[in-house]
Amino acid sequence: MLFGSDNPGLRQFLTVYRLVIQKQIPIPHKNGRIVDVNNAIEGEGPFAPERSGGLPITKFLKYIYNNQIGLEEANNMIYGKGGLAAYFDTTDFAALMDSYQKGKDEKIKLVIDAMAYQISKEIASMAVAVSGDVDAIVFTGGLAYSKTFLNLITNKIKFISKNIMVFPGEDELLAMAEGILNYLKGDVEINVYI
């Protein structure tokens, strides 16, 4: 158990939750509670393989107005067809990172570096929610399999916490099932988040 009784020293940490194909959402936790979050689904935060992230809103509004784009199509530009999908017409992060590591495609290098930079900025901004007292930064999800990509981020954020943990993969359903089982066995209480 990562954040329970086995690790009582991790009071405050940033989870880069689901560093995966659709989202990179740094979520600060303090004493077992989530204390801040962005609205990644509606365009806040860094861009991702399928998300635009934060956009200059006036220019985006002018673009959709001038091109007579409807609400559904505009939403798809923000979530679903934004980010890497918009730049490269693919969300195959492994293939893009393979090209990045070969160093032959300047556009891929520029965009991947920009994505890592934006994620780093978002992580740093979320450290404010715990007054900079971050015990650990935890990366999870599919993109966490790329050591090269993680290095681009961790080189920028290691000043926040030297304790950087990586748990690649998408284990949310397993974690929820384990939590329910722990509750049913009487090992934990249900927390109410408001």
C-alpha atoms as a PDB file:
ATOM      1  CA  MET A   1       0.000   0.000   0.000  1.00  0.00           C
ATOM      2  CA  LEU A   2       1.723   3.182  -1.207  1.00  0.00           C
ATOM      3  CA  PHE A   3       0.009   5.982   0.688  1.00  0.00           C
ATOM      4  CA  GLY A   4      -1.376   4.238   3.730  1.00  0.00           C
ATOM      5  CA  SER A   5       0.194   2.860   6.865  1.00  0.00           C
ATOM      6  CA  ASP A   6       3.238   1.539   4.992  1.00  0.00           C
ATOM      7  CA  ASN A   7       4.338   5.114   4.200  1.00  0.00           C
ATOM      8  CA  PRO A   8       3.270   7.345   7.083  1.00  0.00           C
ATOM      9  CA  GLY A   9       5.884   9.960   6.062  1.00  0.00           C
ATOM     10  CA  LEU A  10       4.087  10.817   2.827  1.00  0.00           C
ATOM     11  CA  ARG A  11       1.751  13.460   4.196  1.00  0.00           C
ATOM     12  CA  GLN A  12       1.813  15.783   1.222  1.00  0.00           C
ATOM     13  CA  PHE A  13       2.542  14.738  -2.302  1.00  0.00           C
ATOM     14  CA  LEU A  14       1.759  15.516  -5.893  1.00  0.00           C
ATOM     15  CA  THR A  15       0.392  12.682  -7.966  1.00  0.00           C
ATOM     16  CA  VAL A  16       0.781  13.159 -11.674  1.00  0.00           C
ATOM     17  CA  TYR A  17      -2.344  11.143 -12.060  1.00  0.00           C
ATOM     18  CA  ARG A  18      -2.787   9.200 -15.240  1.00  0.00           C
ATOM     19  CA  LEU A  19       0.136  10.494 -17.182  1.00  0.00           C
ATOM     20  CA  VAL A  20      -1.503   8.677 -20.039  1.00  0.00           C
ATOM     21  CA  ILE A  21      -2.864   9.051 -23.508  1.00  0.00           C
ATOM     22  CA  GLN A  22      -5.622  11.483 -22.582  1.00  0.00           C
ATOM     23  CA  LYS A  23      -4.617  13.360 -19.454  1.00  0.00           C
ATOM     24  CA  GLN A  24      -1.731  14.699 -17.472  1.00  0.00           C
ATOM     25  CA  ILE A  25      -3.288  15.976 -14.300  1.00  0.00           C
ATOM     26  CA  PRO A  26      -1.103  16.892 -11.335  1.00  0.00           C
ATOM     27  CA  ILE A  27      -3.232  16.445  -8.217  1.00  0.00           C
ATOM     28  CA  PRO A  28      -1.877  17.714  -4.883  1.00  0.00           C
ATOM     29  CA  HIS A  29      -2.751  15.705  -1.771  1.00  0.00           C
ATOM     30  CA  LYS A  30      -2.433  16.853   1.827  1.00  0.00           C
ATOM     31  CA  ASN A  31      -2.942  14.505   4.760  1.00  0.00           C
ATOM     32  CA  GLY A  32      -4.831  12.032   2.595  1.00  0.00           C
ATOM     33  CA  ARG A  33      -7.069  14.574   0.869  1.00  0.00           C
ATOM     34  CA  ILE A  34      -7.023  16.028  -2.621  1.00  0.00           C
ATOM     35  CA  VAL A  35      -6.614  19.781  -2.135  1.00  0.00           C
ATOM     36  CA  ASP A  36      -6.675  21.091  -5.710  1.00  0.00           C
ATOM     37  CA  VAL A  37      -7.251  19.936  -9.278  1.00  0.00           C
ATOM     38  CA  ASN A  38      -7.619  21.444 -12.731  1.00  0.00           C
ATOM     39  CA  ASN A  39     -10.433  20.832 -15.202  1.00  0.00           C
ATOM     40  CA  ALA A  40      -8.449  18.986 -17.860  1.00  0.00           C
ATOM     41  CA  ILE A  41     -11.548  17.800 -19.698  1.00  0.00           C
ATOM     42  CA  GLU A  42     -12.542  21.386 -20.500  1.00  0.00           C
ATOM     43  CA  GLY A  43      -9.115  22.612 -21.497  1.00  0.00           C
ATOM     44  CA  GLU A  44      -7.194  23.567 -18.370  1.00  0.00           C
ATOM     45  CA  GLY A  45      -3.628  22.463 -17.781  1.00  0.00           C
ATOM     46  CA  PRO A  46      -0.945  21.209 -20.168  1.00  0.00           C
ATOM     47  CA  PHE A  47      -1.648  19.773 -23.584  1.00  0.00           C
ATOM     48  CA  ALA A  48      -1.611  16.019 -23.965  1.00  0.00           C
ATOM     49  CA  PRO A  49      -1.851  13.399 -26.698  1.00  0.00           C
ATOM     50  CA  GLU A  50      -5.576  14.108 -27.230  1.00  0.00           C
ATOM     51  CA  ARG A  51      -6.150  17.369 -25.297  1.00  0.00           C
ATOM     52  CA  SER A  52      -5.325  20.917 -26.287  1.00  0.00           C
ATOM     53  CA  GLY A  53      -4.657  22.086 -22.734  1.00  0.00           C
ATOM     54  CA  GLY A  54      -4.992  25.790 -21.985  1.00  0.00           C
ATOM     55  CA  LEU A  55      -5.431  27.962 -25.056  1.00  0.00           C
ATOM     56  CA  PRO A  56      -5.351  31.716 -25.638  1.00  0.00           C
ATOM     57  CA  ILE A  57      -9.116  31.988 -25.304  1.00  0.00           C
ATOM     58  CA  THR A  58      -9.701  35.141 -27.373  1.00  0.00           C
ATOM     59  CA  LYS A  59      -7.795  33.748 -30.361  1.00  0.00           C
ATOM     60  CA  PHE A  60      -9.603  30.415 -30.037  1.00  0.00           C
ATOM     61  CA  LEU A  61     -13.000  32.153 -29.906  1.00  0.00           C
ATOM     62  CA  LYS A  62     -12.116  34.231 -32.980  1.00  0.00           C
ATOM     63  CA  TYR A  63     -10.996  31.068 -34.791  1.00  0.00           C
ATOM     64  CA  ILE A  64     -14.220  29.174 -34.099  1.00  0.00           C
ATOM     65  CA  TYR A  65     -16.330  32.238 -34.917  1.00  0.00           C
ATOM     66  CA  ASN A  66     -14.493  33.042 -38.177  1.00  0.00           C
ATOM     67  CA  ASN A  67     -14.634  29.399 -39.270  1.00  0.00           C
ATOM     68  CA  GLN A  68     -18.268  28.916 -38.184  1.00  0.00           C
ATOM     69  CA  ILE A  69     -17.353  25.976 -35.964  1.00  0.00           C
ATOM     70  CA  GLY A  70     -20.125  24.596 -33.776  1.00  0.00           C
ATOM     71  CA  LEU A  71     -19.898  23.785 -30.069  1.00  0.00           C
ATOM     72  CA  GLU A  72     -19.436  20.028 -30.534  1.00  0.00           C
ATOM     73  CA  GLU A  73     -16.624  20.454 -33.055  1.00  0.00           C
ATOM     74  CA  ALA A  74     -14.965  23.104 -30.871  1.00  0.00           C
ATOM     75  CA  ASN A  75     -15.145  20.733 -27.883  1.00  0.00           C
ATOM     76  CA  ASN A  76     -13.575  17.984 -29.998  1.00  0.00           C
ATOM     77  CA  MET A  77     -10.729  20.350 -30.862  1.00  0.00           C
ATOM     78  CA  ILE A  78     -10.091  20.805 -27.127  1.00  0.00           C
ATOM     79  CA  TYR A  79     -10.643  17.215 -26.017  1.00  0.00           C
ATOM     80  CA  GLY A  80     -10.249  14.327 -28.414  1.00  0.00           C
ATOM     81  CA  LYS A  81      -8.530  15.902 -31.396  1.00  0.00           C
ATOM     82  CA  GLY A  82      -6.246  18.390 -29.629  1.00  0.00           C
ATOM     83  CA  GLY A  83      -2.667  18.104 -28.426  1.00  0.00           C
ATOM     84  CA  LEU A  84      -0.444  15.582 -30.178  1.00  0.00           C
ATOM     85  CA  ALA A  85      -3.394  14.428 -32.298  1.00  0.00           C
ATOM     86  CA  ALA A  86      -3.685  17.936 -33.743  1.00  0.00           C
ATOM     87  CA  TYR A  87       0.060  18.285 -34.344  1.00  0.00           C
ATOM     88  CA  PHE A  88       0.739  14.829 -35.782  1.00  0.00           C
ATOM     89  CA  ASP A  89      -2.618  13.182 -36.547  1.00  0.00           C
ATOM     90  CA  THR A  90      -1.676  10.391 -34.124  1.00  0.00           C
ATOM     91  CA  THR A  91      -1.728   9.702 -30.406  1.00  0.00           C
ATOM     92  CA  ASP A  92       0.836   6.904 -30.620  1.00  0.00           C
ATOM     93  CA  PHE A  93       3.122   8.275 -27.946  1.00  0.00           C
ATOM     94  CA  ALA A  94       5.585   5.372 -28.153  1.00  0.00           C
ATOM     95  CA  ALA A  95       6.123   5.985 -31.884  1.00  0.00           C
ATOM     96  CA  LEU A  96       6.506   9.730 -31.339  1.00  0.00           C
ATOM     97  CA  MET A  97       9.037   9.137 -28.542  1.00  0.00           C
ATOM     98  CA  ASP A  98      10.934   6.720 -30.778  1.00  0.00           C
ATOM     99  CA  SER A  99      11.231   9.486 -33.385  1.00  0.00           C
ATOM    100  CA  TYR A 100      12.107  11.974 -30.637  1.00  0.00           C
ATOM    101  CA  GLN A 101      14.979   9.786 -29.433  1.00  0.00           C
ATOM    102  CA  LYS A 102      16.337   9.417 -32.977  1.00  0.00           C
ATOM    103  CA  GLY A 103      16.524  13.220 -33.088  1.00  0.00           C
ATOM    104  CA  LYS A 104      15.755  13.560 -36.786  1.00  0.00           C
ATOM    105  CA  ASP A 105      12.385  15.328 -36.609  1.00  0.00           C
ATOM    106  CA  GLU A 106      12.636  18.887 -35.304  1.00  0.00           C
ATOM    107  CA  LYS A 107       8.843  19.314 -35.025  1.00  0.00           C
ATOM    108  CA  ILE A 108       8.514  16.217 -32.827  1.00  0.00           C
ATOM    109  CA  LYS A 109      11.358  17.451 -30.618  1.00  0.00           C
ATOM    110  CA  LEU A 110       9.795  20.894 -30.298  1.00  0.00           C
ATOM    111  CA  VAL A 111       6.303  19.592 -29.455  1.00  0.00           C
ATOM    112  CA  ILE A 112       7.427  16.862 -27.011  1.00  0.00           C
ATOM    113  CA  ASP A 113       9.719  19.345 -25.249  1.00  0.00           C
ATOM    114  CA  ALA A 114       6.823  21.819 -25.040  1.00  0.00           C
ATOM    115  CA  MET A 115       4.492  19.174 -23.593  1.00  0.00           C
ATOM    116  CA  ALA A 116       7.066  18.195 -20.949  1.00  0.00           C
ATOM    117  CA  TYR A 117       7.586  21.889 -20.148  1.00  0.00           C
ATOM    118  CA  GLN A 118       3.844  22.497 -19.721  1.00  0.00           C
ATOM    119  CA  ILE A 119       3.460  19.440 -17.490  1.00  0.00           C
ATOM    120  CA  SER A 120       6.427  20.624 -15.409  1.00  0.00           C
ATOM    121  CA  LYS A 121       4.843  24.071 -14.996  1.00  0.00           C
ATOM    122  CA  GLU A 122       1.549  22.519 -13.927  1.00  0.00           C
ATOM    123  CA  ILE A 123       3.298  20.319 -11.357  1.00  0.00           C
ATOM    124  CA  ALA A 124       5.153  23.333  -9.964  1.00  0.00           C
ATOM    125  CA  SER A 125       1.951  25.376  -9.783  1.00  0.00           C
ATOM    126  CA  MET A 126       0.190  22.608  -7.865  1.00  0.00           C
ATOM    127  CA  ALA A 127       2.995  22.563  -5.271  1.00  0.00           C
ATOM    128  CA  VAL A 128       1.529  25.876  -4.096  1.00  0.00           C
ATOM    129  CA  ALA A 129      -1.532  23.996  -2.807  1.00  0.00           C
ATOM    130  CA  VAL A 130       0.678  22.356  -0.155  1.00  0.00           C
ATOM    131  CA  SER A 131       2.817  25.467   0.412  1.00  0.00           C
ATOM    132  CA  GLY A 132       5.745  23.850  -1.373  1.00  0.00           C
ATOM    133  CA  ASP A 133       6.032  21.162   1.309  1.00  0.00           C
ATOM    134  CA  VAL A 134       5.990  18.184  -1.076  1.00  0.00           C
ATOM    135  CA  ASP A 135       7.077  14.829   0.337  1.00  0.00           C
ATOM    136  CA  ALA A 136       7.002  13.099  -3.059  1.00  0.00           C
ATOM    137  CA  ILE A 137       5.970  13.481  -6.679  1.00  0.00           C
ATOM    138  CA  VAL A 138       4.312  10.342  -8.020  1.00  0.00           C
ATOM    139  CA  PHE A 139       3.947   9.528 -11.731  1.00  0.00           C
ATOM    140  CA  THR A 140       1.424   6.929 -12.880  1.00  0.00           C
ATOM    141  CA  GLY A 141      -0.129   5.938 -16.187  1.00  0.00           C
ATOM    142  CA  GLY A 142       0.982   4.927 -19.651  1.00  0.00           C
ATOM    143  CA  LEU A 143       3.314   7.806 -20.511  1.00  0.00           C
ATOM    144  CA  ALA A 144       5.239   7.013 -17.334  1.00  0.00           C
ATOM    145  CA  TYR A 145       6.740   4.073 -19.243  1.00  0.00           C
ATOM    146  CA  SER A 146       8.922   6.542 -21.175  1.00  0.00           C
ATOM    147  CA  LYS A 147      12.038   7.258 -19.139  1.00  0.00           C
ATOM    148  CA  THR A 148      13.129   9.838 -21.694  1.00  0.00           C
ATOM    149  CA  PHE A 149       9.882  11.776 -21.324  1.00  0.00           C
ATOM    150  CA  LEU A 150       9.942  11.528 -17.535  1.00  0.00           C
ATOM    151  CA  ASN A 151      13.522  12.832 -17.509  1.00  0.00           C
ATOM    152  CA  LEU A 152      12.398  15.896 -19.473  1.00  0.00           C
ATOM    153  CA  ILE A 153       9.931  16.607 -16.671  1.00  0.00           C
ATOM    154  CA  THR A 154      11.874  15.523 -13.604  1.00  0.00           C
ATOM    155  CA  ASN A 155      14.913  17.597 -14.572  1.00  0.00           C
ATOM    156  CA  LYS A 156      12.681  20.664 -14.276  1.00  0.00           C
ATOM    157  CA  ILE A 157      10.780  19.739 -11.093  1.00  0.00           C
ATOM    158  CA  LYS A 158      13.308  17.939  -8.900  1.00  0.00           C
ATOM    159  CA  PHE A 159      13.749  21.133  -6.876  1.00  0.00           C
ATOM    160  CA  ILE A 160      10.209  20.585  -5.548  1.00  0.00           C
ATOM    161  CA  SER A 161      10.994  17.150  -4.130  1.00  0.00           C
ATOM    162  CA  LYS A 162      13.911  14.769  -4.562  1.00  0.00           C
ATOM    163  CA  ASN A 163      11.506  11.906  -3.829  1.00  0.00           C
ATOM    164  CA  ILE A 164      10.124  11.088  -7.284  1.00  0.00           C
ATOM    165  CA  MET A 165       8.234   7.806  -7.658  1.00  0.00           C
ATOM    166  CA  VAL A 166       7.179   6.172 -10.900  1.00  0.00           C
ATOM    167  CA  PHE A 167       4.415   3.565 -11.162  1.00  0.00           C
ATOM    168  CA  PRO A 168       3.809   3.114 -14.897  1.00  0.00           C
ATOM    169  CA  GLY A 169       0.524   1.697 -16.055  1.00  0.00           C
ATOM    170  CA  GLU A 170      -3.123   2.391 -15.641  1.00  0.00           C
ATOM    171  CA  ASP A 171      -4.102   0.726 -12.383  1.00  0.00           C
ATOM    172  CA  GLU A 172      -7.067   2.897 -11.405  1.00  0.00           C
ATOM    173  CA  LEU A 173      -9.626   0.086 -11.559  1.00  0.00           C
ATOM    174  CA  LEU A 174      -7.409  -2.238  -9.522  1.00  0.00           C
ATOM    175  CA  ALA A 175      -6.859   0.518  -6.942  1.00  0.00           C
ATOM    176  CA  MET A 176     -10.608   1.160  -6.676  1.00  0.00           C
ATOM    177  CA  ALA A 177     -11.339  -2.564  -6.306  1.00  0.00           C
ATOM    178  CA  GLU A 178      -8.682  -2.909  -3.594  1.00  0.00           C
ATOM    179  CA  GLY A 179     -10.118   0.115  -1.791  1.00  0.00           C
ATOM    180  CA  ILE A 180     -13.608  -1.379  -1.809  1.00  0.00           C
ATOM    181  CA  LEU A 181     -12.280  -4.731  -0.588  1.00  0.00           C
ATOM    182  CA  ASN A 182     -10.365  -3.004   2.207  1.00  0.00           C
ATOM    183  CA  TYR A 183     -13.565  -1.229   3.236  1.00  0.00           C
ATOM    184  CA  LEU A 184     -15.625  -4.415   3.124  1.00  0.00           C
ATOM    185  CA  LYS A 185     -13.017  -6.193   5.277  1.00  0.00           C
ATOM    186  CA  GLY A 186     -13.183  -3.332   7.774  1.00  0.00           C
ATOM    187  CA  ASP A 187      -9.551  -2.282   7.205  1.00  0.00           C
ATOM    188  CA  VAL A 188     -10.388   1.284   6.164  1.00  0.00           C
ATOM    189  CA  GLU A 189     -13.197   3.799   6.565  1.00  0.00           C
ATOM    190  CA  ILE A 190     -14.947   5.581   3.737  1.00  0.00           C
ATOM    191  CA  ASN A 191     -13.822   9.192   3.359  1.00  0.00           C
ATOM    192  CA  VAL A 192     -16.348  11.783   2.294  1.00  0.00           C
ATOM    193  CA  TYR A 193     -14.963  14.431  -0.063  1.00  0.00           C
ATOM    194  CA  ILE A 194     -16.941  17.599  -0.486  1.00  0.00           C
END
